[in-house]
Amino acid sequence: MIEAVIPLSFGDFPDDVQLCVLSFLHPSDLAAFACTCKRFEALYRHDQRLWFSLCHRRWGSKTLINKWGGGKISYRHLYRVLDEYDALIGFWRRFGDTPAPAAAPPPPLVFFEWGPFYITGSRVSPSKNMGYGVIKKPFLWMSIAPGGEMVNYLDPEGRAEVNAEDLVMAELGVSESELIQVNVSFIGECHVVVEENLEVNVDPSSPNLRGEVSDDVYGSPPDQMKEIYQYLANKTSPSSRRQRRREKEKQRQGRIRKWEPENFVKIVNCSPKPSRPLQGLWKGICDDMSLDFYLVSYDDVGGIACRKVGDFHRPLTYHGPIFWTPSLTFFNSPLSPEEDDIYNCRAHLRPADESQEIISTPDNGVVSHVLYINSSYDLVIPDLVGTTANPRQVEGRIWQYRNGTFGFGFLRDNYIIDLKHIAINGHLLDTVEPSNGC
């Protein structure tokens, strides 16, 4: 007689197998699963191994999970914090007024990346006379203190010698006057505000600036019963709460702000995709042999446009598109003799010290596709719109190379601007230290 095989339930599997399977779930799905029985509910609420597995599955290749908060915080709390931090990773662009009077406004681009147990925000700008080098100035560090609270420190000048490990462990190796503790707040998914935390940035030597109004603002509880009742009435009455709020507001207004808030919007599509190979942030040598950054974006009607974003002396709105096209119809190689001549008779703008290296790189300069583009001339000169009187003033090409990069140029010019990646897989490329001339 054949015995019926009783299938195993999930709870019959070894604990390590259960943890491995559960680590693939999103916390909302995990919460639904925890409702199936008390054992899984306790696992969801209190099991450190489970939440460590979730953290490690999602961010283990990017940061050191067991180092955050000095290894003294719950991994469930850590997951919530890292989930919020994860939305910061990548490129952001400053908008609005520049903070604090300065000789020159800071670069508009900011890059957030993972550190061993913190997030670093760096201002990013093109270098001068350093080839494809990208200047990276860390100015913001975000982490979790051993007590579980989030700590964010900002270096307004980018000059302090900051040891990030000591900083997030509240063992600052620099003068506290050089750093400002800030709040980093999301407004929606793609807007972040960095503003000074006035609750902590207080000068203790000032007799007019005090800390937060504490709960014992009316003194210690008295001993007599009648006075106790009066004490409790003062504590809970609406008028007393309003008084405390007014005192707090006066204190905030009396503090000297060291840093004006900065607003940033996220550059969502900052990397190319198979369906959008030209999309993202790129860098290239301009006709004056200086390095600049370019943002190529696709619109909703099937076109693309490219703008410069590296010049931080003027707002982004001042820059018209460098090139644009309403059509994404690529022409595959081999090229026609005419198109081949258009490409081969133009020089490639590259740093002198990298020209030979780039030419010898496999697949670089080998054209796989060609796209027709227009310059911004026909957007700002009405007489040229829709005319063929002088097409060389507006017509151009994009040459896509086999290695995934591309170059562009116009018929009116005798050169091609080859574009390279600024970052790959969350890491900036070709970073250099700023010099006195940068």
Protein backbone atom coordinates (compact mmCIF):
# COMPACT_ATOMS: atom_id res chain seq x y z
CA MET A 1 0.00 0.00 0.00
CA ILE A 2 1.45 3.36 -1.03
CA GLU A 3 1.52 5.91 1.77
CA ALA A 4 0.36 9.42 0.97
CA VAL A 5 3.16 11.98 0.90
CA ILE A 6 2.42 14.86 3.24
CA PRO A 7 3.78 18.10 1.73
CA LEU A 8 6.05 20.21 3.89
CA SER A 9 4.80 23.55 5.15
CA PHE A 10 7.01 26.62 5.05
CA GLY A 11 7.62 26.33 8.79
CA ASP A 12 9.13 22.86 8.32
CA PHE A 13 12.11 24.22 6.42
CA PRO A 14 15.33 25.05 8.33
CA ASP A 15 15.56 28.58 9.73
CA ASP A 16 18.34 29.63 7.38
CA VAL A 17 16.26 28.56 4.37
CA GLN A 18 13.26 30.49 5.68
CA LEU A 19 15.36 33.62 6.21
CA CYS A 20 16.83 33.35 2.72
CA VAL A 21 13.39 33.10 1.13
CA LEU A 22 11.88 35.87 3.25
CA SER A 23 14.77 38.23 2.46
CA PHE A 24 13.43 38.52 -1.11
CA LEU A 25 10.15 40.01 0.11
CA HIS A 26 9.27 43.68 0.38
CA PRO A 27 8.42 44.72 3.96
CA SER A 28 4.75 45.24 3.02
CA ASP A 29 4.58 41.67 1.72
CA LEU A 30 6.44 40.48 4.78
CA ALA A 31 3.89 42.18 7.02
CA ALA A 32 1.08 40.37 5.21
CA PHE A 33 2.92 37.08 5.60
CA ALA A 34 3.38 37.74 9.33
CA CYS A 35 -0.40 37.75 9.74
CA THR A 36 -0.58 34.03 8.98
CA CYS A 37 0.54 32.91 12.44
CA LYS A 38 1.95 34.21 15.73
CA ARG A 39 5.38 32.67 15.13
CA PHE A 40 5.86 34.58 11.89
CA GLU A 41 4.47 37.74 13.49
CA ALA A 42 7.14 37.51 16.20
CA LEU A 43 9.73 36.84 13.50
CA TYR A 44 8.64 39.97 11.62
CA ARG A 45 8.62 42.20 14.69
CA HIS A 46 11.68 41.09 16.64
CA ASP A 47 14.01 38.78 14.67
CA GLN A 48 17.25 40.66 13.99
CA ARG A 49 18.48 37.95 11.63
CA LEU A 50 15.49 38.48 9.33
CA TRP A 51 15.93 42.24 9.07
CA PHE A 52 19.68 41.89 8.64
CA SER A 53 18.97 39.51 5.74
CA LEU A 54 16.61 42.06 4.16
CA CYS A 55 19.17 44.86 4.55
CA HIS A 56 22.01 42.73 3.27
CA ARG A 57 20.01 41.45 0.30
CA ARG A 58 19.22 44.99 -0.87
CA TRP A 59 22.29 47.02 0.11
CA GLY A 60 24.99 44.54 1.12
CA SER A 61 26.96 45.08 -2.09
CA LYS A 62 26.91 48.87 -1.61
CA THR A 63 27.64 49.46 2.08
CA LEU A 64 28.61 47.67 5.31
CA ILE A 65 25.30 46.81 6.95
CA ASN A 66 26.70 45.81 10.34
CA LYS A 67 28.69 49.06 10.67
CA TRP A 68 25.76 51.49 10.56
CA GLY A 69 25.03 53.04 13.94
CA GLY A 70 28.10 51.34 15.37
CA GLY A 71 26.25 48.03 15.10
CA LYS A 72 24.05 49.05 18.05
CA ILE A 73 20.72 49.73 16.34
CA SER A 74 17.96 47.36 15.29
CA TYR A 75 18.12 46.22 11.70
CA ARG A 76 14.41 46.86 11.31
CA HIS A 77 15.01 50.53 12.08
CA LEU A 78 18.07 50.48 9.84
CA TYR A 79 16.00 49.15 6.93
CA ARG A 80 13.60 52.10 7.18
CA VAL A 81 16.48 54.59 7.21
CA LEU A 82 18.38 52.98 4.34
CA ASP A 83 15.20 52.79 2.30
CA GLU A 84 14.89 56.57 2.62
CA TYR A 85 18.58 57.13 1.91
CA ASP A 86 18.40 54.91 -1.17
CA ALA A 87 16.16 57.48 -2.87
CA LEU A 88 19.03 60.00 -2.60
CA ILE A 89 21.59 57.99 -4.53
CA GLY A 90 22.49 59.57 -7.87
CA PHE A 91 22.62 63.06 -9.36
CA TRP A 92 20.63 66.08 -8.18
CA ARG A 93 20.51 69.66 -9.46
CA ARG A 94 20.30 72.75 -7.28
CA PHE A 95 17.61 75.26 -8.09
CA GLY A 96 16.51 78.55 -6.61
CA ASP A 97 18.67 81.17 -4.93
CA THR A 98 22.22 80.26 -3.98
CA PRO A 99 22.90 79.92 -0.24
CA ALA A 100 24.89 82.56 1.62
CA PRO A 101 26.81 85.37 -0.10
CA ALA A 102 29.81 83.99 -1.92
CA ALA A 103 32.33 85.02 -4.56
CA ALA A 104 30.90 82.37 -6.90
CA PRO A 105 27.85 80.14 -6.57
CA PRO A 106 28.49 76.46 -5.88
CA PRO A 107 28.24 73.99 -8.76
CA PRO A 108 24.65 73.06 -9.59
CA LEU A 109 25.25 69.30 -9.66
CA VAL A 110 25.35 67.18 -6.50
CA PHE A 111 26.13 63.46 -6.41
CA PHE A 112 25.01 61.22 -3.53
CA GLU A 113 26.74 57.87 -3.07
CA TRP A 114 27.08 55.06 -0.54
CA GLY A 115 29.94 55.01 1.94
CA PRO A 116 30.90 52.19 4.34
CA PHE A 117 28.26 53.29 6.88
CA TYR A 118 27.14 56.71 5.69
CA ILE A 119 25.92 58.61 2.64
CA THR A 120 28.17 61.26 1.10
CA GLY A 121 26.90 64.22 -0.90
CA SER A 122 29.51 65.85 -3.16
CA ARG A 123 29.40 68.90 -5.38
CA VAL A 124 30.48 67.91 -8.88
CA SER A 125 31.90 70.18 -11.58
CA PRO A 126 34.11 69.95 -14.70
CA SER A 127 37.82 70.43 -14.18
CA LYS A 128 39.94 72.98 -16.00
CA ASN A 129 42.95 71.86 -18.03
CA MET A 130 42.76 68.37 -16.49
CA GLY A 131 41.35 66.39 -19.40
CA TYR A 132 38.19 64.49 -18.54
CA GLY A 133 38.80 64.93 -14.80
CA VAL A 134 35.72 65.60 -12.66
CA ILE A 135 36.10 67.70 -9.51
CA LYS A 136 34.38 66.12 -6.54
CA LYS A 137 34.00 68.12 -3.32
CA PRO A 138 32.27 66.24 -0.48
CA PHE A 139 30.14 68.64 1.55
CA LEU A 140 27.43 66.55 3.24
CA TRP A 141 27.61 63.38 5.36
CA MET A 142 24.54 61.45 6.51
CA SER A 143 24.43 58.50 8.88
CA ILE A 144 22.90 57.08 12.06
CA ALA A 145 24.26 57.62 15.55
CA PRO A 146 24.59 54.63 17.92
CA GLY A 147 21.43 55.85 19.65
CA GLY A 148 19.42 55.42 16.43
CA GLU A 149 18.96 59.11 15.57
CA MET A 150 19.86 60.37 12.09
CA VAL A 151 22.85 62.74 11.95
CA ASN A 152 23.65 65.00 8.99
CA TYR A 153 26.69 67.28 8.91
CA LEU A 154 27.41 69.89 6.26
CA ASP A 155 30.70 71.60 5.46
CA PRO A 156 29.63 74.89 3.82
CA GLU A 157 33.06 75.77 2.43
CA GLY A 158 34.20 72.26 1.56
CA ARG A 159 37.50 72.93 3.28
CA ALA A 160 37.35 71.02 6.55
CA GLU A 161 39.48 67.91 6.91
CA VAL A 162 36.63 65.63 7.84
CA ASN A 163 37.02 62.02 8.90
CA ALA A 164 33.60 60.61 8.11
CA GLU A 165 34.01 57.73 10.57
CA ASP A 166 34.71 60.05 13.49
CA LEU A 167 31.99 62.43 12.34
CA VAL A 168 29.10 59.98 12.39
CA MET A 169 30.31 58.56 15.69
CA ALA A 170 30.08 62.11 17.13
CA GLU A 171 33.86 62.27 17.62
CA LEU A 172 34.56 65.25 15.39
CA GLY A 173 38.12 65.74 14.30
CA VAL A 174 37.44 69.32 13.22
CA SER A 175 36.24 72.43 14.92
CA GLU A 176 32.46 72.34 15.33
CA SER A 177 32.33 75.88 13.95
CA GLU A 178 33.40 74.49 10.56
CA LEU A 179 30.44 72.08 10.34
CA ILE A 180 26.72 72.63 10.48
CA GLN A 181 24.20 70.04 11.53
CA VAL A 182 21.36 70.01 9.01
CA ASN A 183 18.07 68.35 8.23
CA VAL A 184 17.60 66.65 4.87
CA SER A 185 13.90 66.52 4.03
CA PHE A 186 12.05 65.05 1.07
CA ILE A 187 9.25 67.02 -0.57
CA GLY A 188 7.75 64.37 -2.78
CA GLU A 189 10.05 61.85 -4.44
CA CYS A 190 12.30 64.14 -6.49
CA HIS A 191 12.71 67.27 -4.37
CA VAL A 192 15.01 67.56 -1.35
CA VAL A 193 15.63 70.49 0.99
CA VAL A 194 18.84 70.80 3.00
CA GLU A 195 18.38 73.27 5.85
CA GLU A 196 20.15 74.07 9.06
CA ASN A 197 18.94 72.28 12.17
CA LEU A 198 18.37 75.27 14.44
CA GLU A 199 17.52 73.03 17.36
CA VAL A 200 21.15 71.97 17.73
CA ASN A 201 23.25 74.71 16.10
CA VAL A 202 23.15 77.00 19.14
CA ASP A 203 25.98 79.09 20.55
CA PRO A 204 26.10 78.03 24.22
CA SER A 205 28.03 81.18 25.18
CA SER A 206 25.17 83.45 24.18
CA PRO A 207 23.04 84.43 27.20
CA ASN A 208 19.98 85.01 24.97
CA LEU A 209 20.02 81.60 23.26
CA ARG A 210 18.78 78.62 25.18
CA GLY A 211 17.99 75.08 24.22
CA GLU A 212 14.52 73.71 23.72
CA VAL A 213 11.93 74.56 26.35
CA SER A 214 11.85 71.48 28.51
CA ASP A 215 8.80 69.90 30.03
CA ASP A 216 9.69 71.20 33.47
CA VAL A 217 9.50 74.82 32.35
CA TYR A 218 7.30 75.57 35.35
CA GLY A 219 9.81 74.13 37.80
CA SER A 220 9.90 70.87 39.72
CA PRO A 221 6.58 69.44 40.93
CA PRO A 222 5.71 70.97 44.32
CA ASP A 223 5.10 68.99 47.47
CA GLN A 224 1.70 70.32 48.60
CA MET A 225 -1.37 68.71 46.97
CA LYS A 226 -2.98 72.04 46.11
CA GLU A 227 0.17 73.20 44.39
CA ILE A 228 0.42 69.87 42.57
CA TYR A 229 -3.04 70.30 41.08
CA GLN A 230 -2.14 73.85 40.02
CA TYR A 231 1.10 72.59 38.49
CA LEU A 232 -0.71 69.93 36.42
CA ALA A 233 -3.35 72.42 35.32
CA ASN A 234 -0.64 74.78 34.05
CA LYS A 235 1.06 71.94 32.21
CA THR A 236 -2.03 70.76 30.34
CA SER A 237 -3.98 73.94 29.66
CA PRO A 238 -4.17 75.15 26.03
CA SER A 239 -2.87 78.57 27.00
CA SER A 240 0.28 77.10 28.54
CA ARG A 241 0.93 75.01 25.42
CA ARG A 242 0.57 78.11 23.26
CA GLN A 243 2.97 79.95 25.57
CA ARG A 244 5.56 77.22 25.21
CA ARG A 245 5.20 77.27 21.43
CA ARG A 246 5.68 81.05 21.39
CA GLU A 247 8.83 80.74 23.49
CA LYS A 248 10.21 78.10 21.14
CA GLU A 249 9.49 80.29 18.12
CA LYS A 250 11.21 83.27 19.75
CA GLN A 251 14.27 81.16 20.41
CA ARG A 252 14.39 79.97 16.80
CA GLN A 253 14.09 83.52 15.51
CA GLY A 254 16.80 84.71 17.87
CA ARG A 255 19.36 82.21 16.61
CA ILE A 256 21.83 83.22 13.96
CA ARG A 257 21.42 81.11 10.84
CA LYS A 258 24.74 79.89 9.49
CA TRP A 259 23.33 78.31 6.35
CA GLU A 260 20.48 79.21 4.05
CA PRO A 261 18.33 76.30 2.83
CA GLU A 262 19.24 74.69 -0.48
CA ASN A 263 16.74 72.98 -2.77
CA PHE A 264 17.63 70.12 -5.09
CA VAL A 265 15.65 68.23 -7.73
CA LYS A 266 16.66 64.76 -8.83
CA ILE A 267 17.96 64.04 -12.32
CA VAL A 268 15.88 60.92 -12.70
CA ASN A 269 17.18 59.57 -16.01
CA CYS A 270 20.89 60.16 -15.54
CA SER A 271 22.05 56.88 -17.15
CA PRO A 272 21.42 55.35 -20.58
CA LYS A 273 19.07 52.40 -21.08
CA PRO A 274 18.85 49.89 -23.93
CA SER A 275 15.70 51.63 -25.18
CA ARG A 276 17.25 55.09 -24.65
CA PRO A 277 20.98 54.73 -25.41
CA LEU A 278 21.73 58.48 -25.54
CA GLN A 279 19.97 59.35 -22.28
CA GLY A 280 21.84 60.61 -19.24
CA LEU A 281 24.67 62.81 -18.04
CA TRP A 282 27.78 62.93 -20.21
CA LYS A 283 31.04 64.88 -20.35
CA GLY A 284 32.91 66.17 -23.35
CA ILE A 285 35.56 68.59 -24.52
CA CYS A 286 34.05 71.76 -26.03
CA ASP A 287 35.36 73.80 -28.96
CA ASP A 288 37.34 75.99 -26.56
CA MET A 289 39.01 72.78 -25.25
CA SER A 290 37.34 73.07 -21.84
CA LEU A 291 35.40 70.22 -20.24
CA ASP A 292 31.66 70.52 -19.79
CA PHE A 293 28.72 68.35 -18.74
CA TYR A 294 25.79 67.54 -21.01
CA LEU A 295 22.33 66.26 -20.10
CA VAL A 296 20.54 64.34 -22.86
CA SER A 297 16.84 63.74 -22.23
CA TYR A 298 14.05 62.04 -24.15
CA ASP A 299 10.64 63.67 -24.37
CA ASP A 300 7.19 62.08 -24.42
CA VAL A 301 6.69 62.49 -28.17
CA GLY A 302 9.76 60.59 -29.33
CA GLY A 303 12.39 63.34 -29.53
CA ILE A 304 15.57 64.16 -27.64
CA ALA A 305 17.32 67.35 -26.52
CA CYS A 306 20.76 68.09 -25.06
CA ARG A 307 21.72 70.91 -22.70
CA LYS A 308 24.90 71.92 -20.93
CA VAL A 309 24.71 71.62 -17.15
CA GLY A 310 28.28 72.06 -16.00
CA ASP A 311 28.49 75.87 -16.08
CA PHE A 312 27.57 76.94 -12.56
CA HIS A 313 27.97 80.66 -13.20
CA ARG A 314 24.58 80.79 -14.90
CA PRO A 315 21.29 79.07 -14.09
CA LEU A 316 20.25 76.09 -16.16
CA THR A 317 17.30 78.01 -17.61
CA TYR A 318 19.76 80.32 -19.42
CA HIS A 319 21.05 77.45 -21.56
CA GLY A 320 19.15 76.59 -24.72
CA PRO A 321 19.48 73.10 -26.14
CA ILE A 322 22.80 72.32 -27.78
CA PHE A 323 21.05 69.98 -30.16
CA TRP A 324 17.60 68.50 -30.57
CA THR A 325 15.66 66.24 -32.89
CA PRO A 326 11.99 65.31 -33.12
CA SER A 327 12.84 61.92 -34.65
CA LEU A 328 14.78 58.93 -33.32
CA THR A 329 15.26 57.18 -36.66
CA PHE A 330 18.84 55.85 -36.64
CA PHE A 331 20.70 54.87 -39.77
CA ASN A 332 22.85 51.76 -39.38
CA SER A 333 26.36 51.30 -40.69
CA PRO A 334 27.85 50.87 -43.23
CA LEU A 335 27.49 54.55 -44.00
CA SER A 336 26.95 55.99 -47.43
CA PRO A 337 30.02 57.57 -49.06
CA GLU A 338 28.64 61.03 -48.35
CA GLU A 339 27.97 60.28 -44.69
CA ASP A 340 31.33 58.55 -44.38
CA ASP A 341 33.02 61.69 -45.69
CA ILE A 342 31.07 63.93 -43.27
CA TYR A 343 32.37 61.84 -40.37
CA ASN A 344 35.96 61.27 -41.49
CA CYS A 345 36.74 64.88 -42.43
CA ARG A 346 36.11 66.13 -38.88
CA ALA A 347 38.54 66.22 -35.97
CA HIS A 348 37.62 64.69 -32.61
CA LEU A 349 37.95 67.14 -29.71
CA ARG A 350 39.91 65.38 -26.98
CA PRO A 351 42.55 66.28 -24.41
CA ALA A 352 46.02 66.15 -25.94
CA ASP A 353 47.30 63.64 -23.39
CA GLU A 354 44.43 61.22 -24.10
CA SER A 355 44.20 61.38 -27.87
CA GLN A 356 46.48 58.44 -28.56
CA GLU A 357 44.97 56.33 -25.79
CA ILE A 358 41.42 56.85 -27.03
CA ILE A 359 42.27 56.14 -30.67
CA SER A 360 43.78 52.78 -29.69
CA THR A 361 40.79 51.71 -27.61
CA PRO A 362 38.79 48.89 -29.27
CA ASP A 363 35.44 49.93 -30.76
CA ASN A 364 35.96 53.60 -29.91
CA GLY A 365 35.31 55.74 -32.97
CA VAL A 366 33.76 52.78 -34.81
CA VAL A 367 30.35 54.08 -35.79
CA SER A 368 27.38 51.74 -35.45
CA HIS A 369 24.47 54.19 -35.92
CA VAL A 370 23.89 57.74 -37.19
CA LEU A 371 21.11 60.12 -36.17
CA TYR A 372 20.20 63.44 -37.81
CA ILE A 373 19.94 66.39 -35.39
CA ASN A 374 19.37 70.13 -35.42
CA SER A 375 21.15 72.80 -33.46
CA SER A 376 19.32 75.34 -31.31
CA TYR A 377 19.76 77.99 -34.01
CA ASP A 378 16.43 77.15 -35.61
CA LEU A 379 14.72 77.45 -32.23
CA VAL A 380 15.87 81.01 -31.63
CA ILE A 381 16.11 82.35 -35.18
CA PRO A 382 12.56 82.31 -36.59
CA ASP A 383 13.67 82.86 -40.20
CA LEU A 384 15.44 79.51 -40.18
CA VAL A 385 12.49 77.46 -38.98
CA GLY A 386 11.31 75.08 -41.69
CA THR A 387 13.59 76.58 -44.35
CA THR A 388 16.35 75.01 -46.38
CA ALA A 389 18.09 78.26 -47.26
CA ASN A 390 21.17 77.35 -45.29
CA PRO A 391 20.82 73.90 -43.74
CA ARG A 392 24.48 73.83 -42.73
CA GLN A 393 23.70 76.38 -40.03
CA VAL A 394 21.38 74.01 -38.16
CA GLU A 395 21.92 70.46 -39.41
CA GLY A 396 24.12 68.00 -37.55
CA ARG A 397 24.76 64.35 -36.73
CA ILE A 398 25.03 62.04 -33.77
CA TRP A 399 27.47 59.19 -34.31
CA GLN A 400 26.84 56.33 -31.90
CA TYR A 401 29.87 54.12 -31.28
CA ARG A 402 29.99 50.41 -30.66
CA ASN A 403 31.18 50.88 -27.08
CA GLY A 404 27.92 52.65 -26.14
CA THR A 405 29.21 56.23 -26.17
CA PHE A 406 28.58 58.76 -28.91
CA GLY A 407 29.77 62.01 -30.46
CA PHE A 408 27.94 64.87 -32.11
CA GLY A 409 28.78 67.67 -34.52
CA PHE A 410 27.25 70.11 -36.99
CA LEU A 411 27.81 70.62 -40.69
CA ARG A 412 28.89 74.20 -40.06
CA ASP A 413 31.80 73.01 -37.87
CA ASN A 414 34.85 70.88 -38.60
CA TYR A 415 34.94 68.94 -35.33
CA ILE A 416 33.11 66.25 -33.33
CA ILE A 417 32.51 66.44 -29.58
CA ASP A 418 32.90 62.92 -28.19
CA LEU A 419 30.95 62.29 -24.97
CA LYS A 420 31.96 59.94 -22.17
CA HIS A 421 30.17 58.67 -19.07
CA ILE A 422 30.37 60.78 -15.91
CA ALA A 423 29.43 57.83 -13.68
CA ILE A 424 28.89 54.10 -14.06
CA ASN A 425 27.08 51.85 -11.58
CA GLY A 426 26.85 54.59 -8.96
CA HIS A 427 30.53 55.57 -9.06
CA LEU A 428 32.00 58.79 -10.45
CA LEU A 429 34.70 58.31 -13.06
CA ASP A 430 37.97 60.24 -13.45
CA THR A 431 37.64 62.19 -10.19
CA VAL A 432 40.42 64.68 -9.45
CA GLU A 433 41.34 66.95 -6.55
CA PRO A 434 40.45 70.60 -7.09
CA SER A 435 43.38 72.90 -7.84
CA ASN A 436 43.68 76.63 -7.26
CA GLY A 437 42.55 77.30 -10.79
CA CYS A 438 39.42 75.13 -10.60
